[in-house]
Amino acid sequence: MPRPVHFEIHASDPERAITFYSTVFDWTFERSTEASYWLITTGEGPGIDGGVAQRQGPPPDPDASLNAFPLTMEVEDIDLLSREVEQAGGSMITTKSAIADVGWIVYCRDPEGNVFGMLETDPSAR
């Protein structure tokens, strides 16, 4: 069965994206041998790593509704990380909402206009 093994964040300003994701999620970045590409290490253990690529077209429309294939990160404190997203230059697209018996989810936009999700596991969520 196919499974996700890599993700990419496209950015008009890759350095701004790197600063944002380093600040919010403590990810590390290493410049690749390819021009305008950085490898992302998201942490130890299970999960996937990715890359930041120079955007090749116009940025996403900031006024568009949630219309993406977003990557969702599991976080320990969704309220704290939501504040950190905004302090680091991102924005919230949705308010925190429950996924019954799973946890709490929000969708955010990074400073480059990319959409991502955050999920806090909480089996009592309703």
PDB file of N, CA and C in Angstrom:
ATOM      1  N   MET A   1       0.845  -1.172   0.000  1.00  0.00           N
ATOM      2  CA  MET A   1       0.000   0.000   0.000  1.00  0.00           C
ATOM      3  C   MET A   1       0.895   1.240   0.000  1.00  0.00           C
ATOM      4  N   PRO A   2       0.710   2.174  -0.915  1.00  0.00           N
ATOM      5  CA  PRO A   2       1.518   3.393  -0.938  1.00  0.00           C
ATOM      6  C   PRO A   2       1.294   4.235   0.332  1.00  0.00           C
ATOM      7  N   ARG A   3       2.351   4.858   0.808  1.00  0.00           N
ATOM      8  CA  ARG A   3       2.228   5.746   1.960  1.00  0.00           C
ATOM      9  C   ARG A   3       3.106   6.970   1.759  1.00  0.00           C
ATOM     10  N   PRO A   4       2.753   8.085   2.408  1.00  0.00           N
ATOM     11  CA  PRO A   4       3.568   9.294   2.258  1.00  0.00           C
ATOM     12  C   PRO A   4       4.990   9.070   2.780  1.00  0.00           C
ATOM     13  N   VAL A   5       5.965   9.509   2.011  1.00  0.00           N
ATOM     14  CA  VAL A   5       7.360   9.364   2.416  1.00  0.00           C
ATOM     15  C   VAL A   5       8.136  10.691   2.375  1.00  0.00           C
ATOM     16  N   HIS A   6       7.536  11.733   1.830  1.00  0.00           N
ATOM     17  CA  HIS A   6       8.230  13.016   1.706  1.00  0.00           C
ATOM     18  C   HIS A   6       7.184  14.095   1.450  1.00  0.00           C
ATOM     19  N   PHE A   7       7.422  15.292   1.915  1.00  0.00           N
ATOM     20  CA  PHE A   7       6.542  16.415   1.609  1.00  0.00           C
ATOM     21  C   PHE A   7       7.390  17.599   1.177  1.00  0.00           C
ATOM     22  N   GLU A   8       6.760  18.531   0.476  1.00  0.00           N
ATOM     23  CA  GLU A   8       7.451  19.753   0.065  1.00  0.00           C
ATOM     24  C   GLU A   8       6.621  20.969   0.431  1.00  0.00           C
ATOM     25  N   ILE A   9       7.322  22.016   0.807  1.00  0.00           N
ATOM     26  CA  ILE A   9       6.736  23.322   1.054  1.00  0.00           C
ATOM     27  C   ILE A   9       7.281  24.230  -0.039  1.00  0.00           C
ATOM     28  N   HIS A  10       6.412  24.796  -0.842  1.00  0.00           N
ATOM     29  CA  HIS A  10       6.847  25.706  -1.894  1.00  0.00           C
ATOM     30  C   HIS A  10       6.788  27.131  -1.354  1.00  0.00           C
ATOM     31  N   ALA A  11       7.819  27.904  -1.606  1.00  0.00           N
ATOM     32  CA  ALA A  11       7.925  29.232  -1.015  1.00  0.00           C
ATOM     33  C   ALA A  11       8.512  30.233  -2.001  1.00  0.00           C
ATOM     34  N   SER A  12       7.905  31.413  -2.046  1.00  0.00           N
ATOM     35  CA  SER A  12       8.480  32.511  -2.822  1.00  0.00           C
ATOM     36  C   SER A  12       9.744  33.011  -2.141  1.00  0.00           C
ATOM     37  N   ASP A  13       9.763  32.959  -0.806  1.00  0.00           N
ATOM     38  CA  ASP A  13      10.905  33.366  -0.002  1.00  0.00           C
ATOM     39  C   ASP A  13      11.284  32.192   0.900  1.00  0.00           C
ATOM     40  N   PRO A  14      12.100  31.253   0.404  1.00  0.00           N
ATOM     41  CA  PRO A  14      12.433  30.062   1.191  1.00  0.00           C
ATOM     42  C   PRO A  14      13.015  30.366   2.570  1.00  0.00           C
ATOM     43  N   GLU A  15      13.838  31.393   2.672  1.00  0.00           N
ATOM     44  CA  GLU A  15      14.431  31.726   3.978  1.00  0.00           C
ATOM     45  C   GLU A  15      13.343  32.111   4.991  1.00  0.00           C
ATOM     46  N   ARG A  16      12.312  32.814   4.541  1.00  0.00           N
ATOM     47  CA  ARG A  16      11.200  33.177   5.436  1.00  0.00           C
ATOM     48  C   ARG A  16      10.470  31.912   5.885  1.00  0.00           C
ATOM     49  N   ALA A  17      10.236  30.967   4.974  1.00  0.00           N
ATOM     50  CA  ALA A  17       9.578  29.708   5.327  1.00  0.00           C
ATOM     51  C   ALA A  17      10.427  28.915   6.320  1.00  0.00           C
ATOM     52  N   ILE A  18      11.727  28.874   6.094  1.00  0.00           N
ATOM     53  CA  ILE A  18      12.633  28.163   6.993  1.00  0.00           C
ATOM     54  C   ILE A  18      12.577  28.769   8.384  1.00  0.00           C
ATOM     55  N   THR A  19      12.607  30.088   8.472  1.00  0.00           N
ATOM     56  CA  THR A  19      12.526  30.760   9.772  1.00  0.00           C
ATOM     57  C   THR A  19      11.216  30.423  10.472  1.00  0.00           C
ATOM     58  N   PHE A  20      10.104  30.451   9.733  1.00  0.00           N
ATOM     59  CA  PHE A  20       8.793  30.164  10.308  1.00  0.00           C
ATOM     60  C   PHE A  20       8.747  28.745  10.878  1.00  0.00           C
ATOM     61  N   TYR A  21       9.078  27.731  10.088  1.00  0.00           N
ATOM     62  CA  TYR A  21       8.962  26.339  10.535  1.00  0.00           C
ATOM     63  C   TYR A  21      10.010  25.988  11.590  1.00  0.00           C
ATOM     64  N   SER A  22      11.174  26.630  11.566  1.00  0.00           N
ATOM     65  CA  SER A  22      12.165  26.446  12.628  1.00  0.00           C
ATOM     66  C   SER A  22      11.633  26.994  13.939  1.00  0.00           C
ATOM     67  N   THR A  23      10.997  28.159  13.864  1.00  0.00           N
ATOM     68  CA  THR A  23      10.475  28.816  15.057  1.00  0.00           C
ATOM     69  C   THR A  23       9.294  28.054  15.651  1.00  0.00           C
ATOM     70  N   VAL A  24       8.335  27.682  14.829  1.00  0.00           N
ATOM     71  CA  VAL A  24       7.105  27.070  15.337  1.00  0.00           C
ATOM     72  C   VAL A  24       7.305  25.605  15.718  1.00  0.00           C
ATOM     73  N   PHE A  25       7.962  24.810  14.874  1.00  0.00           N
ATOM     74  CA  PHE A  25       8.054  23.372  15.099  1.00  0.00           C
ATOM     75  C   PHE A  25       9.458  22.866  15.429  1.00  0.00           C
ATOM     76  N   ASP A  26      10.467  23.768  15.448  1.00  0.00           N
ATOM     77  CA  ASP A  26      11.839  23.393  15.761  1.00  0.00           C
ATOM     78  C   ASP A  26      12.426  22.416  14.745  1.00  0.00           C
ATOM     79  N   TRP A  27      11.969  22.505  13.484  1.00  0.00           N
ATOM     80  CA  TRP A  27      12.525  21.663  12.428  1.00  0.00           C
ATOM     81  C   TRP A  27      13.899  22.186  12.049  1.00  0.00           C
ATOM     82  N   THR A  28      14.746  21.299  11.511  1.00  0.00           N
ATOM     83  CA  THR A  28      16.056  21.719  11.041  1.00  0.00           C
ATOM     84  C   THR A  28      16.108  21.624   9.516  1.00  0.00           C
ATOM     85  N   PHE A  29      16.933  22.462   8.925  1.00  0.00           N
ATOM     86  CA  PHE A  29      17.022  22.593   7.467  1.00  0.00           C
ATOM     87  C   PHE A  29      18.478  22.526   7.027  1.00  0.00           C
ATOM     88  N   GLU A  30      18.695  21.868   5.896  1.00  0.00           N
ATOM     89  CA  GLU A  30      20.033  21.772   5.320  1.00  0.00           C
ATOM     90  C   GLU A  30      19.919  21.999   3.826  1.00  0.00           C
ATOM     91  N   ARG A  31      20.736  22.898   3.316  1.00  0.00           N
ATOM     92  CA  ARG A  31      20.711  23.184   1.879  1.00  0.00           C
ATOM     93  C   ARG A  31      21.095  21.942   1.095  1.00  0.00           C
ATOM     94  N   SER A  32      20.311  21.641   0.085  1.00  0.00           N
ATOM     95  CA  SER A  32      20.554  20.483  -0.771  1.00  0.00           C
ATOM     96  C   SER A  32      21.593  20.827  -1.819  1.00  0.00           C
ATOM     97  N   THR A  33      22.039  19.801  -2.536  1.00  0.00           N
ATOM     98  CA  THR A  33      22.958  20.042  -3.647  1.00  0.00           C
ATOM     99  C   THR A  33      22.224  20.680  -4.817  1.00  0.00           C
ATOM    100  N   GLU A  34      20.889  20.554  -4.849  1.00  0.00           N
ATOM    101  CA  GLU A  34      20.092  21.216  -5.885  1.00  0.00           C
ATOM    102  C   GLU A  34      19.925  22.692  -5.532  1.00  0.00           C
ATOM    103  N   ALA A  35      19.987  23.547  -6.527  1.00  0.00           N
ATOM    104  CA  ALA A  35      19.795  24.979  -6.288  1.00  0.00           C
ATOM    105  C   ALA A  35      18.387  25.224  -5.764  1.00  0.00           C
ATOM    106  N   SER A  36      18.250  26.121  -4.823  1.00  0.00           N
ATOM    107  CA  SER A  36      16.956  26.548  -4.281  1.00  0.00           C
ATOM    108  C   SER A  36      16.149  25.406  -3.675  1.00  0.00           C
ATOM    109  N   TYR A  37      16.818  24.482  -2.975  1.00  0.00           N
ATOM    110  CA  TYR A  37      16.110  23.387  -2.303  1.00  0.00           C
ATOM    111  C   TYR A  37      16.809  23.093  -0.983  1.00  0.00           C
ATOM    112  N   TRP A  38      16.011  22.970   0.080  1.00  0.00           N
ATOM    113  CA  TRP A  38      16.515  22.686   1.405  1.00  0.00           C
ATOM    114  C   TRP A  38      15.834  21.427   1.923  1.00  0.00           C
ATOM    115  N   LEU A  39      16.588  20.519   2.533  1.00  0.00           N
ATOM    116  CA  LEU A  39      16.029  19.318   3.139  1.00  0.00           C
ATOM    117  C   LEU A  39      15.560  19.636   4.548  1.00  0.00           C
ATOM    118  N   ILE A  40      14.416  19.072   4.923  1.00  0.00           N
ATOM    119  CA  ILE A  40      13.830  19.317   6.247  1.00  0.00           C
ATOM    120  C   ILE A  40      13.909  18.033   7.059  1.00  0.00           C
ATOM    121  N   THR A  41      14.421  18.147   8.291  1.00  0.00           N
ATOM    122  CA  THR A  41      14.348  17.070   9.262  1.00  0.00           C
ATOM    123  C   THR A  41      13.336  17.498  10.317  1.00  0.00           C
ATOM    124  N   THR A  42      12.273  16.712  10.467  1.00  0.00           N
ATOM    125  CA  THR A  42      11.173  17.088  11.370  1.00  0.00           C
ATOM    126  C   THR A  42      11.337  16.517  12.769  1.00  0.00           C
ATOM    127  N   GLY A  43      12.270  15.613  12.970  1.00  0.00           N
ATOM    128  CA  GLY A  43      12.490  15.051  14.299  1.00  0.00           C
ATOM    129  C   GLY A  43      12.934  13.610  14.222  1.00  0.00           C
ATOM    130  N   GLU A  44      13.006  12.985  15.393  1.00  0.00           N
ATOM    131  CA  GLU A  44      13.424  11.588  15.499  1.00  0.00           C
ATOM    132  C   GLU A  44      12.200  10.686  15.500  1.00  0.00           C
ATOM    133  N   GLY A  45      12.394   9.417  15.186  1.00  0.00           N
ATOM    134  CA  GLY A  45      11.324   8.435  15.278  1.00  0.00           C
ATOM    135  C   GLY A  45      10.404   8.453  14.075  1.00  0.00           C
ATOM    136  N   PRO A  46       9.216   7.829  14.230  1.00  0.00           N
ATOM    137  CA  PRO A  46       8.265   7.730  13.112  1.00  0.00           C
ATOM    138  C   PRO A  46       7.836   9.104  12.599  1.00  0.00           C
ATOM    139  N   GLY A  47       7.586   9.184  11.336  1.00  0.00           N
ATOM    140  CA  GLY A  47       7.163  10.431  10.709  1.00  0.00           C
ATOM    141  C   GLY A  47       7.840  10.563   9.361  1.00  0.00           C
ATOM    142  N   ILE A  48       7.630  11.690   8.718  1.00  0.00           N
ATOM    143  CA  ILE A  48       8.269  11.916   7.426  1.00  0.00           C
ATOM    144  C   ILE A  48       9.028  13.233   7.447  1.00  0.00           C
ATOM    145  N   ASP A  49      10.033  13.293   6.614  1.00  0.00           N
ATOM    146  CA  ASP A  49      10.818  14.506   6.434  1.00  0.00           C
ATOM    147  C   ASP A  49      10.477  15.081   5.072  1.00  0.00           C
ATOM    148  N   GLY A  50      10.980  16.264   4.766  1.00  0.00           N
ATOM    149  CA  GLY A  50      10.583  16.898   3.524  1.00  0.00           C
ATOM    150  C   GLY A  50      11.617  17.846   2.982  1.00  0.00           C
ATOM    151  N   GLY A  51      11.110  18.840   2.251  1.00  0.00           N
ATOM    152  CA  GLY A  51      11.974  19.828   1.642  1.00  0.00           C
ATOM    153  C   GLY A  51      11.255  21.142   1.416  1.00  0.00           C
ATOM    154  N   VAL A  52      12.026  22.199   1.281  1.00  0.00           N
ATOM    155  CA  VAL A  52      11.517  23.516   0.894  1.00  0.00           C
ATOM    156  C   VAL A  52      12.038  23.781  -0.507  1.00  0.00           C
ATOM    157  N   ALA A  53      11.123  24.129  -1.409  1.00  0.00           N
ATOM    158  CA  ALA A  53      11.485  24.398  -2.799  1.00  0.00           C
ATOM    159  C   ALA A  53      11.116  25.827  -3.167  1.00  0.00           C
ATOM    160  N   GLN A  54      11.907  26.433  -4.026  1.00  0.00           N
ATOM    161  CA  GLN A  54      11.566  27.747  -4.566  1.00  0.00           C
ATOM    162  C   GLN A  54      10.267  27.623  -5.362  1.00  0.00           C
ATOM    163  N   ARG A  55       9.274  28.454  -5.051  1.00  0.00           N
ATOM    164  CA  ARG A  55       7.992  28.420  -5.754  1.00  0.00           C
ATOM    165  C   ARG A  55       8.199  28.762  -7.227  1.00  0.00           C
ATOM    166  N   GLN A  56       7.519  28.040  -8.114  1.00  0.00           N
ATOM    167  CA  GLN A  56       7.672  28.223  -9.556  1.00  0.00           C
ATOM    168  C   GLN A  56       6.493  28.959 -10.192  1.00  0.00           C
ATOM    169  N   GLY A  57       5.580  29.450  -9.419  1.00  0.00           N
ATOM    170  CA  GLY A  57       4.426  30.163  -9.955  1.00  0.00           C
ATOM    171  C   GLY A  57       3.933  31.162  -8.929  1.00  0.00           C
ATOM    172  N   PRO A  58       2.725  31.684  -9.127  1.00  0.00           N
ATOM    173  CA  PRO A  58       2.186  32.647  -8.172  1.00  0.00           C
ATOM    174  C   PRO A  58       1.855  31.979  -6.837  1.00  0.00           C
ATOM    175  N   PRO A  59       1.917  32.740  -5.742  1.00  0.00           N
ATOM    176  CA  PRO A  59       1.565  32.170  -4.439  1.00  0.00           C
ATOM    177  C   PRO A  59       0.068  31.867  -4.358  1.00  0.00           C
ATOM    178  N   PRO A  60      -0.331  31.017  -3.407  1.00  0.00           N
ATOM    179  CA  PRO A  60      -1.751  30.727  -3.232  1.00  0.00           C
ATOM    180  C   PRO A  60      -2.544  31.986  -2.908  1.00  0.00           C
ATOM    181  N   ASP A  61      -3.806  32.003  -3.286  1.00  0.00           N
ATOM    182  CA  ASP A  61      -4.701  33.121  -2.995  1.00  0.00           C
ATOM    183  C   ASP A  61      -5.019  33.114  -1.502  1.00  0.00           C
ATOM    184  N   PRO A  62      -4.618  34.165  -0.758  1.00  0.00           N
ATOM    185  CA  PRO A  62      -4.855  34.177   0.690  1.00  0.00           C
ATOM    186  C   PRO A  62      -6.335  34.240   1.058  1.00  0.00           C
ATOM    187  N   ASP A  63      -7.193  34.595   0.118  1.00  0.00           N
ATOM    188  CA  ASP A  63      -8.622  34.679   0.404  1.00  0.00           C
ATOM    189  C   ASP A  63      -9.379  33.410   0.019  1.00  0.00           C
ATOM    190  N   ALA A  64      -8.677  32.431  -0.548  1.00  0.00           N
ATOM    191  CA  ALA A  64      -9.338  31.191  -0.970  1.00  0.00           C
ATOM    192  C   ALA A  64      -9.724  30.364   0.254  1.00  0.00           C
ATOM    193  N   SER A  65     -10.801  29.632   0.135  1.00  0.00           N
ATOM    194  CA  SER A  65     -11.181  28.732   1.218  1.00  0.00           C
ATOM    195  C   SER A  65     -10.181  27.590   1.284  1.00  0.00           C
ATOM    196  N   LEU A  66     -10.303  26.778   2.301  1.00  0.00           N
ATOM    197  CA  LEU A  66      -9.407  25.640   2.460  1.00  0.00           C
ATOM    198  C   LEU A  66      -9.541  24.739   1.249  1.00  0.00           C
ATOM    199  N   ASN A  67      -8.529  24.741   0.407  1.00  0.00           N
ATOM    200  CA  ASN A  67      -8.547  23.995  -0.835  1.00  0.00           C
ATOM    201  C   ASN A  67      -7.128  23.519  -1.081  1.00  0.00           C
ATOM    202  N   ALA A  68      -6.776  22.433  -0.402  1.00  0.00           N
ATOM    203  CA  ALA A  68      -5.396  21.987  -0.466  1.00  0.00           C
ATOM    204  C   ALA A  68      -5.317  20.518  -0.075  1.00  0.00           C
ATOM    205  N   PHE A  69      -4.121  20.008  -0.048  1.00  0.00           N
ATOM    206  CA  PHE A  69      -3.807  18.675   0.427  1.00  0.00           C
ATOM    207  C   PHE A  69      -2.854  18.912   1.594  1.00  0.00           C
ATOM    208  N   PRO A  70      -3.377  19.406   2.735  1.00  0.00           N
ATOM    209  CA  PRO A  70      -2.474  19.884   3.781  1.00  0.00           C
ATOM    210  C   PRO A  70      -1.789  18.773   4.567  1.00  0.00           C
ATOM    211  N   LEU A  71      -0.596  19.059   4.966  1.00  0.00           N
ATOM    212  CA  LEU A  71       0.158  18.235   5.887  1.00  0.00           C
ATOM    213  C   LEU A  71      -0.312  18.614   7.289  1.00  0.00           C
ATOM    214  N   THR A  72      -0.575  17.640   8.133  1.00  0.00           N
ATOM    215  CA  THR A  72      -1.019  17.920   9.497  1.00  0.00           C
ATOM    216  C   THR A  72       0.021  17.382  10.470  1.00  0.00           C
ATOM    217  N   MET A  73       0.443  18.254  11.401  1.00  0.00           N
ATOM    218  CA  MET A  73       1.411  17.879  12.419  1.00  0.00           C
ATOM    219  C   MET A  73       0.677  17.566  13.709  1.00  0.00           C
ATOM    220  N   GLU A  74       1.085  16.482  14.382  1.00  0.00           N
ATOM    221  CA  GLU A  74       0.558  16.190  15.711  1.00  0.00           C
ATOM    222  C   GLU A  74       1.329  17.047  16.700  1.00  0.00           C
ATOM    223  N   VAL A  75       0.604  17.769  17.560  1.00  0.00           N
ATOM    224  CA  VAL A  75       1.227  18.665  18.532  1.00  0.00           C
ATOM    225  C   VAL A  75       0.693  18.351  19.928  1.00  0.00           C
ATOM    226  N   GLU A  76       1.457  18.716  20.938  1.00  0.00           N
ATOM    227  CA  GLU A  76       1.041  18.452  22.320  1.00  0.00           C
ATOM    228  C   GLU A  76       0.090  19.517  22.845  1.00  0.00           C
ATOM    229  N   ASP A  77       0.234  20.764  22.412  1.00  0.00           N
ATOM    230  CA  ASP A  77      -0.585  21.870  22.929  1.00  0.00           C
ATOM    231  C   ASP A  77      -1.004  22.755  21.757  1.00  0.00           C
ATOM    232  N   ILE A  78      -2.182  22.503  21.223  1.00  0.00           N
ATOM    233  CA  ILE A  78      -2.648  23.203  20.019  1.00  0.00           C
ATOM    234  C   ILE A  78      -2.854  24.697  20.265  1.00  0.00           C
ATOM    235  N   ASP A  79      -3.265  25.062  21.486  1.00  0.00           N
ATOM    236  CA  ASP A  79      -3.466  26.487  21.782  1.00  0.00           C
ATOM    237  C   ASP A  79      -2.138  27.234  21.794  1.00  0.00           C
ATOM    238  N   LEU A  80      -1.127  26.644  22.426  1.00  0.00           N
ATOM    239  CA  LEU A  80       0.198  27.265  22.464  1.00  0.00           C
ATOM    240  C   LEU A  80       0.776  27.389  21.055  1.00  0.00           C
ATOM    241  N   LEU A  81       0.709  26.309  20.279  1.00  0.00           N
ATOM    242  CA  LEU A  81       1.279  26.342  18.932  1.00  0.00           C
ATOM    243  C   LEU A  81       0.498  27.278  18.019  1.00  0.00           C
ATOM    244  N   SER A  82      -0.808  27.431  18.217  1.00  0.00           N
ATOM    245  CA  SER A  82      -1.591  28.386  17.424  1.00  0.00           C
ATOM    246  C   SER A  82      -1.098  29.804  17.671  1.00  0.00           C
ATOM    247  N   ARG A  83      -0.791  30.122  18.925  1.00  0.00           N
ATOM    248  CA  ARG A  83      -0.242  31.454  19.233  1.00  0.00           C
ATOM    249  C   ARG A  83       1.138  31.618  18.591  1.00  0.00           C
ATOM    250  N   GLU A  84       1.948  30.552  18.634  1.00  0.00           N
ATOM    251  CA  GLU A  84       3.282  30.628  18.042  1.00  0.00           C
ATOM    252  C   GLU A  84       3.211  30.811  16.528  1.00  0.00           C
ATOM    253  N   VAL A  85       2.225  30.168  15.885  1.00  0.00           N
ATOM    254  CA  VAL A  85       2.036  30.356  14.443  1.00  0.00           C
ATOM    255  C   VAL A  85       1.841  31.833  14.138  1.00  0.00           C
ATOM    256  N   GLU A  86       0.930  32.483  14.877  1.00  0.00           N
ATOM    257  CA  GLU A  86       0.649  33.903  14.632  1.00  0.00           C
ATOM    258  C   GLU A  86       1.843  34.782  14.976  1.00  0.00           C
ATOM    259  N   GLN A  87       2.539  34.484  16.067  1.00  0.00           N
ATOM    260  CA  GLN A  87       3.706  35.278  16.448  1.00  0.00           C
ATOM    261  C   GLN A  87       4.837  35.144  15.440  1.00  0.00           C
ATOM    262  N   ALA A  88       4.895  34.004  14.745  1.00  0.00           N
ATOM    263  CA  ALA A  88       5.949  33.775  13.761  1.00  0.00           C
ATOM    264  C   ALA A  88       5.574  34.271  12.368  1.00  0.00           C
ATOM    265  N   GLY A  89       4.399  34.917  12.246  1.00  0.00           N
ATOM    266  CA  GLY A  89       4.014  35.503  10.969  1.00  0.00           C
ATOM    267  C   GLY A  89       2.986  34.721  10.180  1.00  0.00           C
ATOM    268  N   GLY A  90       2.497  33.605  10.725  1.00  0.00           N
ATOM    269  CA  GLY A  90       1.450  32.836  10.064  1.00  0.00           C
ATOM    270  C   GLY A  90       0.077  33.320  10.499  1.00  0.00           C
ATOM    271  N   SER A  91      -0.965  32.621  10.043  1.00  0.00           N
ATOM    272  CA  SER A  91      -2.332  32.992  10.425  1.00  0.00           C
ATOM    273  C   SER A  91      -3.178  31.736  10.562  1.00  0.00           C
ATOM    274  N   MET A  92      -4.267  31.891  11.281  1.00  0.00           N
ATOM    275  CA  MET A  92      -5.195  30.791  11.490  1.00  0.00           C
ATOM    276  C   MET A  92      -6.271  30.873  10.409  1.00  0.00           C
ATOM    277  N   ILE A  93      -6.585  29.734   9.778  1.00  0.00           N
ATOM    278  CA  ILE A  93      -7.652  29.670   8.782  1.00  0.00           C
ATOM    279  C   ILE A  93      -8.952  29.240   9.440  1.00  0.00           C
ATOM    280  N   THR A  94      -8.852  28.302  10.385  1.00  0.00           N
ATOM    281  CA  THR A  94     -10.036  27.803  11.097  1.00  0.00           C
ATOM    282  C   THR A  94      -9.830  27.967  12.587  1.00  0.00           C
ATOM    283  N   THR A  95     -10.920  27.908  13.313  1.00  0.00           N
ATOM    284  CA  THR A  95     -10.832  27.864  14.763  1.00  0.00           C
ATOM    285  C   THR A  95     -10.660  26.412  15.177  1.00  0.00           C
ATOM    286  N   LYS A  96     -10.213  26.204  16.386  1.00  0.00           N
ATOM    287  CA  LYS A  96     -10.025  24.853  16.904  1.00  0.00           C
ATOM    288  C   LYS A  96     -11.370  24.138  16.918  1.00  0.00           C
ATOM    289  N   SER A  97     -11.403  22.939  16.354  1.00  0.00           N
ATOM    290  CA  SER A  97     -12.644  22.166  16.357  1.00  0.00           C
ATOM    291  C   SER A  97     -12.329  20.721  16.718  1.00  0.00           C
ATOM    292  N   ALA A  98     -13.354  20.054  17.232  1.00  0.00           N
ATOM    293  CA  ALA A  98     -13.193  18.672  17.701  1.00  0.00           C
ATOM    294  C   ALA A  98     -13.387  17.677  16.573  1.00  0.00           C
ATOM    295  N   ILE A  99     -12.599  16.646  16.603  1.00  0.00           N
ATOM    296  CA  ILE A  99     -12.846  15.436  15.828  1.00  0.00           C
ATOM    297  C   ILE A  99     -13.176  14.402  16.905  1.00  0.00           C
ATOM    298  N   ALA A 100     -14.437  14.012  16.992  1.00  0.00           N
ATOM    299  CA  ALA A 100     -14.920  13.179  18.089  1.00  0.00           C
ATOM    300  C   ALA A 100     -14.034  11.956  18.313  1.00  0.00           C
ATOM    301  N   ASP A 101     -13.661  11.767  19.555  1.00  0.00           N
ATOM    302  CA  ASP A 101     -12.867  10.622  20.006  1.00  0.00           C
ATOM    303  C   ASP A 101     -11.434  10.616  19.487  1.00  0.00           C
ATOM    304  N   VAL A 102     -11.017  11.662  18.762  1.00  0.00           N
ATOM    305  CA  VAL A 102      -9.662  11.740  18.208  1.00  0.00           C
ATOM    306  C   VAL A 102      -8.887  12.888  18.839  1.00  0.00           C
ATOM    307  N   GLY A 103      -9.422  14.120  18.709  1.00  0.00           N
ATOM    308  CA  GLY A 103      -8.714  15.272  19.245  1.00  0.00           C
ATOM    309  C   GLY A 103      -9.193  16.571  18.641  1.00  0.00           C
ATOM    310  N   TRP A 104      -8.325  17.558  18.703  1.00  0.00           N
ATOM    311  CA  TRP A 104      -8.636  18.920  18.258  1.00  0.00           C
ATOM    312  C   TRP A 104      -7.791  19.252  17.040  1.00  0.00           C
ATOM    313  N   ILE A 105      -8.393  19.954  16.075  1.00  0.00           N
ATOM    314  CA  ILE A 105      -7.678  20.289  14.846  1.00  0.00           C
ATOM    315  C   ILE A 105      -7.865  21.756  14.499  1.00  0.00           C
ATOM    316  N   VAL A 106      -6.840  22.351  13.920  1.00  0.00           N
ATOM    317  CA  VAL A 106      -6.903  23.698  13.336  1.00  0.00           C
ATOM    318  C   VAL A 106      -6.153  23.651  12.020  1.00  0.00           C
ATOM    319  N   TYR A 107      -6.514  24.563  11.125  1.00  0.00           N
ATOM    320  CA  TYR A 107      -5.771  24.750   9.882  1.00  0.00           C
ATOM    321  C   TYR A 107      -5.193  26.145   9.893  1.00  0.00           C
ATOM    322  N   CYS A 108      -3.955  26.245   9.426  1.00  0.00           N
ATOM    323  CA  CYS A 108      -3.191  27.485   9.473  1.00  0.00           C
ATOM    324  C   CYS A 108      -2.604  27.773   8.095  1.00  0.00           C
ATOM    325  N   ARG A 109      -2.117  28.999   7.950  1.00  0.00           N
ATOM    326  CA  ARG A 109      -1.415  29.396   6.728  1.00  0.00           C
ATOM    327  C   ARG A 109      -0.053  29.937   7.162  1.00  0.00           C
ATOM    328  N   ASP A 110       1.013  29.454   6.513  1.00  0.00           N
ATOM    329  CA  ASP A 110       2.344  29.974   6.837  1.00  0.00           C
ATOM    330  C   ASP A 110       2.545  31.318   6.126  1.00  0.00           C
ATOM    331  N   PRO A 111       3.646  32.037   6.401  1.00  0.00           N
ATOM    332  CA  PRO A 111       3.850  33.344   5.768  1.00  0.00           C
ATOM    333  C   PRO A 111       3.965  33.283   4.245  1.00  0.00           C
ATOM    334  N   GLU A 112       4.177  32.092   3.683  1.00  0.00           N
ATOM    335  CA  GLU A 112       4.272  31.916   2.232  1.00  0.00           C
ATOM    336  C   GLU A 112       2.922  31.587   1.604  1.00  0.00           C
ATOM    337  N   GLY A 113       1.861  31.483   2.412  1.00  0.00           N
ATOM    338  CA  GLY A 113       0.526  31.197   1.902  1.00  0.00           C
ATOM    339  C   GLY A 113       0.165  29.726   1.875  1.00  0.00           C
ATOM    340  N   ASN A 114       1.070  28.845   2.325  1.00  0.00           N
ATOM    341  CA  ASN A 114       0.804  27.412   2.335  1.00  0.00           C
ATOM    342  C   ASN A 114      -0.077  27.029   3.516  1.00  0.00           C
ATOM    343  N   VAL A 115      -0.979  26.080   3.293  1.00  0.00           N
ATOM    344  CA  VAL A 115      -1.899  25.612   4.327  1.00  0.00           C
ATOM    345  C   VAL A 115      -1.325  24.365   4.991  1.00  0.00           C
ATOM    346  N   PHE A 116      -1.446  24.296   6.319  1.00  0.00           N
ATOM    347  CA  PHE A 116      -1.080  23.095   7.062  1.00  0.00           C
ATOM    348  C   PHE A 116      -2.030  22.959   8.240  1.00  0.00           C
ATOM    349  N   GLY A 117      -2.084  21.754   8.795  1.00  0.00           N
ATOM    350  CA  GLY A 117      -2.947  21.498   9.934  1.00  0.00           C
ATOM    351  C   GLY A 117      -2.133  21.143  11.166  1.00  0.00           C
ATOM    352  N   MET A 118      -2.781  21.300  12.329  1.00  0.00           N
ATOM    353  CA  MET A 118      -2.201  20.842  13.591  1.00  0.00           C
ATOM    354  C   MET A 118      -3.287  20.058  14.316  1.00  0.00           C
ATOM    355  N   LEU A 119      -2.905  18.917  14.892  1.00  0.00           N
ATOM    356  CA  LEU A 119      -3.826  18.038  15.590  1.00  0.00           C
ATOM    357  C   LEU A 119      -3.287  17.731  16.969  1.00  0.00           C
ATOM    358  N   GLU A 120      -4.111  17.986  17.996  1.00  0.00           N
ATOM    359  CA  GLU A 120      -3.781  17.608  19.378  1.00  0.00           C
ATOM    360  C   GLU A 120      -4.652  16.407  19.721  1.00  0.00           C
ATOM    361  N   THR A 121      -4.008  15.282  20.007  1.00  0.00           N
ATOM    362  CA  THR A 121      -4.736  14.064  20.345  1.00  0.00           C
ATOM    363  C   THR A 121      -5.444  14.243  21.686  1.00  0.00           C
ATOM    364  N   ASP A 122      -6.735  13.926  21.720  1.00  0.00           N
ATOM    365  CA  ASP A 122      -7.542  14.003  22.937  1.00  0.00           C
ATOM    366  C   ASP A 122      -8.778  13.124  22.731  1.00  0.00           C
ATOM    367  N   PRO A 123      -8.738  11.864  23.220  1.00  0.00           N
ATOM    368  CA  PRO A 123      -9.864  10.953  23.001  1.00  0.00           C
ATOM    369  C   PRO A 123     -11.184  11.443  23.589  1.00  0.00           C
ATOM    370  N   SER A 124     -11.147  12.441  24.481  1.00  0.00           N
ATOM    371  CA  SER A 124     -12.402  12.965  25.063  1.00  0.00           C
ATOM    372  C   SER A 124     -12.991  14.107  24.247  1.00  0.00           C
ATOM    373  N   ALA A 125     -12.353  14.479  23.143  1.00  0.00           N
ATOM    374  CA  ALA A 125     -12.859  15.584  22.303  1.00  0.00           C
ATOM    375  C   ALA A 125     -14.236  15.245  21.768  1.00  0.00           C
ATOM    376  N   ARG A 126     -15.112  16.232  21.799  1.00  0.00           N
ATOM    377  CA  ARG A 126     -16.478  16.066  21.281  1.00  0.00           C
ATOM    378  C   ARG A 126     -16.876  17.306  20.518  1.00  0.00           C
TER     379      ARG A 126
END
